[in-house]
């Protein structure tokens, strides 16, 4: 299931990169035309403004705030075989123990 999500994410990331590349190439191709536009005379006193942007790849992190409850996927019921009070706990979670 996770690989399916990863494939979808990689697919859309590839689509985004293709769209960015296409958005950069189309203006360049349009600027390579040999004919001059009839509506704009060859006048050096009216230069066309140009904006340059640096494109960089970066990781975007999503942060979601939500209210709700968390439940475990699996649950276990623990009970003792005899009644009594636990006087001392000699092991912690993750400790290695040996049987006597």
Protein backbone atom coordinates (compact mmCIF):
# COMPACT_ATOMS: atom_id res chain seq x y z
CA UNK A 1 0.00 0.00 0.00
CA UNK A 2 2.83 2.39 0.81
CA UNK A 3 4.56 1.69 -2.51
CA UNK A 4 1.33 2.64 -4.32
CA UNK A 5 1.24 5.99 -2.52
CA UNK A 6 4.94 6.49 -3.27
CA UNK A 7 4.36 5.73 -6.97
CA UNK A 8 1.50 8.24 -7.10
CA UNK A 9 3.64 10.87 -5.37
CA UNK A 10 6.55 10.21 -7.75
CA UNK A 11 4.16 10.38 -10.74
CA UNK A 12 2.83 13.81 -9.68
CA UNK A 13 6.32 15.07 -8.87
CA UNK A 14 7.35 14.09 -12.41
CA UNK A 15 4.29 15.90 -13.81
CA UNK A 16 5.17 19.04 -11.82
CA UNK A 17 8.75 18.98 -13.13
CA UNK A 18 7.46 18.55 -16.70
CA UNK A 19 5.06 21.49 -16.27
CA UNK A 20 7.86 23.71 -14.93
CA UNK A 21 10.14 22.73 -17.80
CA UNK A 22 7.37 23.38 -20.33
CA UNK A 23 6.62 26.77 -18.74
CA UNK A 24 10.30 27.69 -19.16
CA UNK A 25 10.68 26.41 -22.73
CA UNK A 26 7.56 27.95 -24.32
CA UNK A 27 8.61 31.60 -23.73
CA UNK A 28 12.10 30.79 -25.00
CA UNK A 29 10.70 29.22 -28.17
CA UNK A 30 8.40 32.19 -28.75
CA UNK A 31 11.37 34.56 -28.39
CA UNK A 32 13.26 32.75 -31.15
CA UNK A 33 10.91 33.92 -33.91
CA UNK A 34 12.63 35.64 -36.88
CA UNK A 35 9.67 37.83 -37.80
CA UNK A 36 8.94 41.07 -35.96
CA UNK A 37 5.54 41.86 -34.61
CA UNK A 38 3.65 44.44 -36.67
CA UNK A 39 2.18 46.11 -33.58
CA UNK A 40 5.57 46.93 -31.98
CA UNK A 41 7.92 49.14 -33.99
CA UNK A 42 11.69 48.62 -33.73
CA UNK A 43 12.20 51.32 -31.12
CA UNK A 44 15.07 51.14 -28.60
CA UNK A 45 13.38 53.78 -26.41
CA UNK A 46 10.63 51.30 -25.42
CA UNK A 47 12.51 48.22 -24.12
CA UNK A 48 10.52 45.20 -22.98
CA UNK A 49 10.87 44.54 -19.23
CA UNK A 50 12.36 41.16 -18.40
CA UNK A 51 12.16 39.27 -15.09
CA UNK A 52 14.64 36.52 -14.22
CA UNK A 53 13.90 33.84 -11.63
CA UNK A 54 16.15 31.12 -10.26
CA UNK A 55 14.44 27.72 -10.15
CA UNK A 56 15.44 25.34 -7.36
CA UNK A 57 14.13 22.02 -6.11
CA UNK A 58 13.26 21.87 -2.44
CA UNK A 59 11.36 19.66 -0.05
CA UNK A 60 8.02 20.98 1.13
CA UNK A 61 6.84 19.85 4.52
CA UNK A 62 3.16 19.74 5.36
CA UNK A 63 2.01 20.50 8.84
CA UNK A 64 -1.55 19.60 9.80
CA UNK A 65 -3.25 20.49 13.05
CA UNK A 66 -6.17 18.27 13.96
CA UNK A 67 -8.25 17.27 16.96
CA UNK A 68 -9.16 13.63 17.44
CA UNK A 69 -8.45 10.34 19.15
CA UNK A 70 -5.77 7.78 18.45
CA UNK A 71 -6.51 4.07 18.66
CA UNK A 72 -4.09 1.15 18.38
CA UNK A 73 -4.40 -1.24 15.45
CA UNK A 74 -3.96 -4.18 17.83
CA UNK A 75 -4.80 -4.48 21.53
CA UNK A 76 -3.88 -7.05 24.18
CA UNK A 77 -5.60 -7.74 27.46
CA UNK A 78 -3.18 -8.54 30.28
CA UNK A 79 -4.22 -10.17 33.53
CA UNK A 80 -2.54 -12.05 36.34
CA UNK A 81 -3.09 -15.70 37.19
CA UNK A 82 -3.15 -15.00 40.94
CA UNK A 83 -4.37 -12.11 43.06
CA UNK A 84 -1.85 -9.91 44.79
CA UNK A 85 0.04 -6.63 44.82
CA UNK A 86 3.12 -5.93 42.69
CA UNK A 87 5.85 -5.05 45.17
CA UNK A 88 8.64 -4.29 42.69
CA UNK A 89 9.18 -4.05 38.91
CA UNK A 90 12.61 -5.41 38.01
CA UNK A 91 12.53 -4.93 34.21
CA UNK A 92 11.62 -2.11 31.85
CA UNK A 93 10.36 -2.03 28.28
CA UNK A 94 13.10 -3.28 25.95
CA UNK A 95 15.17 -4.96 28.69
CA UNK A 96 16.55 -8.46 28.03
CA UNK A 97 15.58 -10.92 30.77
CA UNK A 98 16.51 -14.56 31.49
CA UNK A 99 14.35 -17.27 32.98
CA UNK A 100 15.76 -18.83 36.19
